[in-house]
Every structure is written in C-alpha cells, then in structure tokens.
N, C-alpha and C. Protein backbone atom coordinates (compact mmCIF):
# COMPACT_ATOMS: atom_id res chain seq x y z
N MET A 1 -11.01 -8.13 -18.66
CA MET A 1 -10.39 -7.07 -17.87
C MET A 1 -9.08 -8.26 -18.00
N ALA A 2 -7.78 -7.70 -17.51
CA ALA A 2 -6.62 -8.95 -17.75
C ALA A 2 -6.42 -9.15 -16.44
N GLU A 3 -5.43 -9.85 -15.91
CA GLU A 3 -5.30 -10.59 -14.19
C GLU A 3 -5.19 -9.48 -13.65
N ARG A 4 -5.71 -9.50 -12.59
CA ARG A 4 -5.56 -8.26 -11.53
C ARG A 4 -4.77 -7.90 -10.62
N PRO A 5 -4.32 -6.46 -11.30
CA PRO A 5 -3.12 -6.05 -10.50
C PRO A 5 -2.83 -6.07 -9.30
N LEU A 6 -1.77 -6.55 -9.01
CA LEU A 6 -1.73 -6.68 -7.05
C LEU A 6 -0.46 -5.64 -6.89
N PRO A 7 -0.98 -4.48 -5.81
CA PRO A 7 -0.25 -3.92 -5.42
C PRO A 7 1.55 -3.87 -4.83
N PRO A 8 1.95 -3.36 -4.83
CA PRO A 8 3.56 -3.93 -3.81
C PRO A 8 2.72 -4.30 -2.38
N SER A 9 3.36 -4.92 -1.79
CA SER A 9 3.13 -5.64 -0.71
C SER A 9 3.13 -5.02 0.60
N GLU A 10 4.14 -3.82 0.70
CA GLU A 10 4.43 -2.82 1.55
C GLU A 10 3.88 -1.43 0.82
N ILE A 11 3.08 -1.29 0.26
CA ILE A 11 2.54 -0.27 -0.62
C ILE A 11 1.64 0.80 0.96
N ALA A 12 2.28 1.95 0.87
CA ALA A 12 1.46 2.85 2.02
C ALA A 12 0.23 3.15 1.45
N PRO A 13 -1.03 3.63 2.65
CA PRO A 13 -2.23 3.60 1.94
C PRO A 13 -1.96 5.13 1.44
N LEU A 14 -1.05 6.14 1.65
CA LEU A 14 -1.16 7.42 0.69
C LEU A 14 -0.64 6.67 -0.70
N ASP A 15 0.43 6.46 -1.02
CA ASP A 15 0.67 5.81 -2.13
C ASP A 15 -0.65 5.34 -3.09
N PHE A 16 -1.16 3.91 -2.37
CA PHE A 16 -2.00 3.20 -2.89
C PHE A 16 -3.47 3.76 -3.22
N PHE A 17 -3.65 4.65 -2.37
CA PHE A 17 -4.76 5.80 -3.10
C PHE A 17 -4.56 6.91 -3.79
N LEU A 18 -3.65 7.88 -3.55
CA LEU A 18 -3.47 9.00 -4.07
C LEU A 18 -2.67 8.82 -5.48
N ARG A 19 -2.04 7.59 -5.47
CA ARG A 19 -1.11 7.20 -7.24
C ARG A 19 -1.81 6.16 -7.85
N TRP A 20 -1.14 4.79 -6.81
CA TRP A 20 -1.29 3.44 -7.52
C TRP A 20 -2.60 2.65 -8.32
N VAL A 21 -4.08 3.09 -7.45
CA VAL A 21 -5.40 3.07 -8.03
C VAL A 21 -5.79 4.11 -8.77
N PRO A 22 -5.04 5.08 -9.37
CA PRO A 22 -5.71 6.15 -10.23
C PRO A 22 -5.03 5.75 -11.79
N ALA A 23 -3.77 5.33 -11.27
CA ALA A 23 -2.58 5.13 -12.31
C ALA A 23 -3.61 3.44 -12.92
N VAL A 24 -3.64 2.77 -12.08
CA VAL A 24 -4.21 1.17 -12.29
C VAL A 24 -5.28 1.59 -13.52
N VAL A 25 -6.20 2.36 -13.20
CA VAL A 25 -7.50 2.57 -13.89
C VAL A 25 -6.85 3.13 -15.26
N ALA A 26 -5.92 4.59 -14.71
CA ALA A 26 -5.51 5.48 -16.40
C ALA A 26 -5.26 4.00 -17.42
N ALA A 27 -4.65 3.06 -16.83
CA ALA A 27 -4.17 2.53 -17.81
C ALA A 27 -4.76 1.24 -18.31
N ASP A 28 -5.97 0.97 -18.44
CA ASP A 28 -6.34 -0.15 -18.11
C ASP A 28 -7.95 0.56 -18.99
N PRO A 29 -7.99 0.82 -20.24
CA PRO A 29 -8.98 0.73 -21.15
C PRO A 29 -10.15 0.28 -20.92
N LEU A 30 -10.53 -1.51 -20.41
CA LEU A 30 -11.67 -2.12 -20.25
C LEU A 30 -12.14 -1.75 -19.04
N ARG A 31 -11.25 -1.41 -17.62
CA ARG A 31 -11.78 -1.05 -17.09
C ARG A 31 -12.67 0.49 -16.37
N ARG A 32 -11.94 1.13 -17.53
CA ARG A 32 -12.70 2.46 -17.28
C ARG A 32 -13.59 2.53 -17.99
N GLU A 33 -13.59 1.48 -19.17
CA GLU A 33 -14.79 1.47 -19.76
C GLU A 33 -16.34 0.66 -19.06
N ARG A 34 -15.89 0.10 -18.18
CA ARG A 34 -16.76 -0.96 -17.09
C ARG A 34 -17.05 0.02 -15.56
N LEU A 35 -16.42 1.23 -15.78
CA LEU A 35 -16.87 2.28 -14.60
C LEU A 35 -17.46 2.87 -15.32
N GLY A 36 -17.68 3.24 -16.54
CA GLY A 36 -18.70 3.98 -17.12
C GLY A 36 -18.85 5.32 -16.22
N ASP A 37 -20.37 5.62 -16.46
CA ASP A 37 -20.18 7.06 -16.28
C ASP A 37 -20.99 6.82 -14.41
N THR A 38 -20.29 5.83 -13.70
CA THR A 38 -20.24 6.17 -12.41
C THR A 38 -19.67 7.30 -12.14
N ARG A 39 -20.62 8.00 -11.05
CA ARG A 39 -19.93 9.20 -10.23
C ARG A 39 -19.88 8.89 -8.84
N ALA A 40 -19.20 8.93 -8.15
CA ALA A 40 -19.18 8.28 -6.85
C ALA A 40 -18.22 8.94 -5.88
N THR A 41 -18.39 8.85 -4.95
CA THR A 41 -17.44 8.84 -3.38
C THR A 41 -16.89 8.12 -2.40
N LEU A 42 -16.00 7.26 -2.77
CA LEU A 42 -16.10 6.54 -1.77
C LEU A 42 -14.79 6.69 -0.92
N GLN A 43 -15.03 6.28 0.45
CA GLN A 43 -14.50 6.56 1.71
C GLN A 43 -13.55 5.06 2.38
N PHE A 44 -12.26 5.17 2.82
CA PHE A 44 -11.98 4.25 3.14
C PHE A 44 -11.17 4.84 4.30
N ASP A 45 -11.62 4.02 5.29
CA ASP A 45 -10.92 4.51 6.52
C ASP A 45 -10.03 3.36 7.23
N LEU A 46 -8.79 3.27 7.45
CA LEU A 46 -8.47 2.27 7.68
C LEU A 46 -7.68 2.72 9.08
N LEU A 47 -7.70 1.72 9.88
CA LEU A 47 -7.60 2.02 11.38
C LEU A 47 -6.50 1.19 12.12
N GLY A 48 -6.04 1.98 12.99
CA GLY A 48 -4.34 1.27 13.20
C GLY A 48 -3.74 2.39 12.78
N SER A 49 -2.31 2.34 13.37
CA SER A 49 -0.81 3.09 12.69
C SER A 49 -0.71 2.85 11.64
N GLY A 50 -0.18 3.81 10.66
CA GLY A 50 -0.08 3.88 9.68
C GLY A 50 -1.17 3.91 8.61
N GLY A 51 -2.65 3.84 9.41
CA GLY A 51 -3.96 3.86 8.29
C GLY A 51 -4.42 5.72 8.68
N GLY A 52 -5.62 5.79 8.27
CA GLY A 52 -5.85 6.92 7.99
C GLY A 52 -7.15 6.92 7.40
N SER A 53 -7.68 8.26 6.67
CA SER A 53 -8.75 8.16 5.97
C SER A 53 -8.55 8.45 4.29
N PHE A 54 -8.88 7.60 3.79
CA PHE A 54 -8.83 7.98 2.12
C PHE A 54 -9.99 7.99 1.34
N VAL A 55 -10.02 8.98 0.08
CA VAL A 55 -11.24 8.83 -0.38
C VAL A 55 -10.73 8.65 -2.24
N LEU A 56 -12.02 8.23 -2.72
CA LEU A 56 -11.84 7.99 -4.42
C LEU A 56 -12.87 8.38 -4.68
N HIS A 57 -12.69 9.51 -5.90
CA HIS A 57 -13.48 10.27 -6.49
C HIS A 57 -13.93 9.45 -7.97
N LEU A 58 -14.74 9.06 -8.33
CA LEU A 58 -14.97 8.35 -9.53
C LEU A 58 -15.92 8.97 -10.25
N GLU A 59 -15.35 9.59 -11.68
CA GLU A 59 -15.79 10.32 -12.42
C GLU A 59 -15.55 10.00 -14.11
N ALA A 60 -16.76 9.63 -14.61
CA ALA A 60 -16.72 9.57 -15.93
C ALA A 60 -15.34 8.75 -16.44
N GLY A 61 -15.37 7.68 -15.92
CA GLY A 61 -13.97 6.47 -16.09
C GLY A 61 -13.07 6.57 -15.87
N SER A 62 -12.77 7.39 -14.93
CA SER A 62 -11.56 7.79 -14.22
C SER A 62 -11.29 7.79 -12.68
N VAL A 63 -10.36 7.78 -11.65
CA VAL A 63 -10.45 7.51 -10.54
C VAL A 63 -9.88 8.96 -10.00
N ARG A 64 -9.88 9.30 -9.05
CA ARG A 64 -8.97 10.15 -8.32
C ARG A 64 -9.09 10.29 -6.99
N GLY A 65 -7.78 9.78 -6.55
CA GLY A 65 -7.49 9.32 -4.76
C GLY A 65 -7.63 11.12 -4.12
N ALA A 66 -7.39 11.34 -3.20
CA ALA A 66 -7.55 12.57 -2.08
C ALA A 66 -7.63 12.35 -0.50
N LEU A 67 -7.09 12.24 0.13
CA LEU A 67 -7.09 12.44 1.70
C LEU A 67 -8.80 12.67 2.01
N GLY A 68 -8.95 11.76 3.46
CA GLY A 68 -10.36 11.94 3.64
C GLY A 68 -10.20 12.61 5.13
N PRO A 69 -11.22 12.87 5.69
CA PRO A 69 -12.90 12.22 5.39
C PRO A 69 -13.51 13.26 4.11
N ALA A 70 -14.13 12.63 3.62
CA ALA A 70 -15.25 13.22 2.18
C ALA A 70 -16.09 13.98 2.95
N GLU A 71 -16.63 14.82 2.65
CA GLU A 71 -17.99 15.36 3.10
C GLU A 71 -18.71 15.12 3.21
N SER A 72 -19.00 14.06 1.88
CA SER A 72 -20.11 13.26 1.62
C SER A 72 -19.91 12.28 0.78
N ALA A 73 -19.75 10.70 1.35
CA ALA A 73 -19.39 9.34 0.77
C ALA A 73 -20.22 8.78 0.28
N ASP A 74 -20.93 8.21 -0.84
CA ASP A 74 -21.80 7.19 -1.35
C ASP A 74 -21.60 5.93 -0.59
N LEU A 75 -20.08 5.09 -0.54
CA LEU A 75 -20.00 4.34 0.13
C LEU A 75 -18.91 4.31 1.21
N ARG A 76 -18.81 3.90 2.24
CA ARG A 76 -17.67 4.20 3.46
C ARG A 76 -17.27 2.57 3.71
N LEU A 77 -16.25 2.61 3.28
CA LEU A 77 -15.32 1.07 4.14
C LEU A 77 -14.78 1.64 5.37
N GLU A 78 -14.86 0.54 6.48
CA GLU A 78 -13.50 0.81 7.66
C GLU A 78 -13.09 -0.71 7.55
N LEU A 79 -11.76 -0.66 7.87
CA LEU A 79 -11.12 -1.48 8.38
C LEU A 79 -9.64 -1.43 8.77
N ASP A 80 -9.40 -2.46 9.46
CA ASP A 80 -7.36 -2.44 9.86
C ASP A 80 -6.94 -2.58 8.78
N LEU A 81 -5.75 -2.06 9.06
CA LEU A 81 -4.18 -2.20 7.98
C LEU A 81 -4.15 -3.69 7.96
N ASP A 82 -4.02 -4.28 8.50
CA ASP A 82 -3.90 -5.90 8.59
C ASP A 82 -4.78 -6.45 6.95
N THR A 83 -6.04 -6.39 7.55
CA THR A 83 -7.24 -6.73 6.64
C THR A 83 -6.86 -5.92 5.38
N TRP A 84 -6.56 -4.88 5.24
CA TRP A 84 -6.76 -4.03 3.94
C TRP A 84 -5.45 -4.08 3.57
N ARG A 85 -4.17 -5.07 4.28
CA ARG A 85 -3.27 -5.37 2.94
C ARG A 85 -3.41 -6.76 2.64
N ALA A 86 -4.25 -7.69 3.16
CA ALA A 86 -4.83 -8.91 3.34
C ALA A 86 -6.04 -8.75 1.83
N LEU A 87 -6.64 -7.85 2.00
CA LEU A 87 -7.34 -7.56 0.25
C LEU A 87 -6.72 -7.06 -0.46
N ASN A 88 -5.61 -6.69 -0.41
CA ASN A 88 -4.82 -6.39 -1.28
C ASN A 88 -4.00 -7.22 -2.31
N ALA A 89 -3.40 -8.00 -0.82
CA ALA A 89 -3.03 -9.56 -1.65
C ALA A 89 -3.57 -9.95 -2.39
N GLY A 90 -4.87 -10.29 -1.76
CA GLY A 90 -5.72 -11.08 -2.71
C GLY A 90 -5.57 -12.55 -1.75
N ALA A 91 -5.50 -12.52 -0.30
CA ALA A 91 -5.28 -13.57 0.57
C ALA A 91 -6.73 -13.37 1.42
N LEU A 92 -7.84 -12.75 0.79
CA LEU A 92 -8.83 -12.75 1.95
C LEU A 92 -9.56 -11.68 0.69
N SER A 93 -10.71 -12.45 0.47
CA SER A 93 -12.13 -11.65 -0.35
C SER A 93 -12.72 -11.24 0.62
N ALA A 94 -13.19 -9.74 -0.14
CA ALA A 94 -14.33 -8.98 0.67
C ALA A 94 -15.50 -9.30 0.97
N PRO A 95 -16.13 -10.87 0.52
CA PRO A 95 -17.66 -11.28 1.17
C PRO A 95 -17.01 -12.10 2.54
N GLU A 96 -15.88 -12.19 2.39
CA GLU A 96 -15.15 -13.20 3.69
C GLU A 96 -14.55 -12.41 4.82
N ALA A 97 -14.27 -11.12 4.46
CA ALA A 97 -14.12 -9.92 5.59
C ALA A 97 -15.19 -9.10 6.31
N LEU A 98 -16.26 -9.00 5.09
CA LEU A 98 -17.75 -8.43 5.68
C LEU A 98 -18.13 -9.77 6.96
N LEU A 99 -17.97 -11.21 6.33
CA LEU A 99 -18.36 -12.24 6.96
C LEU A 99 -18.24 -12.35 8.34
N ARG A 100 -16.65 -11.84 8.17
CA ARG A 100 -15.65 -12.04 9.82
C ARG A 100 -15.57 -10.62 10.37
N ARG A 101 -16.47 -9.99 9.51
CA ARG A 101 -16.73 -8.41 10.89
C ARG A 101 -15.37 -7.71 10.89
N ARG A 102 -14.58 -7.98 9.88
CA ARG A 102 -13.18 -7.32 9.68
C ARG A 102 -13.13 -5.99 8.60
N LEU A 103 -14.56 -5.98 7.72
CA LEU A 103 -14.77 -4.94 7.00
C LEU A 103 -16.33 -4.45 7.32
N ARG A 104 -16.50 -3.30 7.29
CA ARG A 104 -17.46 -2.91 7.74
C ARG A 104 -17.86 -1.96 6.72
N MET A 105 -19.29 -2.16 6.41
CA MET A 105 -19.36 -1.00 5.02
C MET A 105 -21.01 -0.03 5.49
N GLU A 106 -20.90 1.23 4.96
CA GLU A 106 -22.17 1.91 5.15
C GLU A 106 -22.28 2.53 3.96
N GLY A 107 -23.59 2.41 3.14
CA GLY A 107 -23.68 3.15 2.15
C GLY A 107 -24.19 2.09 0.96
N SER A 108 -23.94 2.62 -0.49
CA SER A 108 -24.36 1.91 -1.31
C SER A 108 -23.59 0.67 -2.11
N LEU A 109 -24.81 -0.35 -1.88
CA LEU A 109 -24.25 -1.81 -1.49
C LEU A 109 -24.19 -2.17 -2.99
N THR A 110 -24.56 -1.58 -4.14
CA THR A 110 -24.36 -1.50 -5.62
C THR A 110 -23.17 -1.13 -6.33
N LEU A 111 -22.60 0.29 -5.69
CA LEU A 111 -21.35 0.53 -5.87
C LEU A 111 -20.12 -0.46 -4.77
N ALA A 112 -20.65 -0.88 -3.52
CA ALA A 112 -19.49 -1.84 -3.34
C ALA A 112 -19.77 -3.07 -4.30
N LEU A 113 -20.27 -3.62 -4.92
CA LEU A 113 -20.28 -4.50 -6.03
C LEU A 113 -19.48 -3.89 -7.13
N LYS A 114 -19.26 -2.76 -6.98
CA LYS A 114 -18.73 -2.43 -8.43
C LYS A 114 -17.01 -2.54 -8.00
N LEU A 115 -17.08 -2.44 -6.57
CA LEU A 115 -15.51 -1.93 -6.22
C LEU A 115 -14.25 -2.93 -7.10
N HIS A 116 -14.66 -3.76 -7.47
CA HIS A 116 -13.80 -4.69 -7.78
C HIS A 116 -13.43 -4.08 -9.02
N LEU A 117 -14.49 -3.12 -9.74
CA LEU A 117 -13.90 -2.79 -11.04
C LEU A 117 -12.70 -1.30 -10.84
N ILE A 118 -12.67 -1.36 -9.55
CA ILE A 118 -12.23 0.01 -9.34
C ILE A 118 -10.65 -0.47 -9.49
N ILE A 119 -10.39 -1.33 -7.77
CA ILE A 119 -9.22 -1.59 -7.65
C ILE A 119 -8.65 -3.22 -8.37
N GLY A 120 -9.49 -4.21 -8.59
CA GLY A 120 -9.30 -4.98 -8.61
C GLY A 120 -9.68 -6.65 -8.38
C-alpha cells in the first residue's frame, strides 16, 4: 500500500465518511484487494459539536458511506471529534486512543484490526 493518505485537516465528518473514504479506497487497487470479500458495517459515533453518527459499508472491495446510526453494526467506534481529528492527522494511534480511553469499541476485534486497510 502506498503512503497513508491524509484527509484535509479541517474536513467535515460528513465529507470524510460519505466522500473522502470511499474515494480513497476506490482509487487504490491494493487497498481494494486487501479488503477482498470483507462484508461489514462500521459505525462511527463522533461526540460533540459537529459530530454525529456515520456508517461505512464494506462490500466486495468497496466502501460506501452513509449517515448513521446503522440498523446493525459489526463494529461500533465512539470517540470525540478532537480524537477523531488527531487519528486522521496521524498525531494519535488507535491503540493509544484505546489505552487512554479516548476511543471506545464494540464488536469485531478482527474488523477493528482491518480498519487501517480502509482508512489508512
């Protein structure tokens, strides 16, 4: 996989989940190949002003974003908007966010480990 793409620092969550992530995956054949036949629904609950609930649907090497909440999610992540921005910028790692209790996770640990294949 090529160098990790970084979203614009001030991207709105709506643009990130509905446009940016699907476009990054669609433009990267290796990322699509590594996702393979994974079928899953990921829900991101961003807390605070400007946040909301967003969903990524993984299917056949592609990603589709939607507004949440999902009817049923295989993985649910809850974090505040500042933590989400720090993760996007690469200033904070997901394991560190979990250890510091800035990120809460429910669902498939295997899917959580694959998350870097989707987002970066």
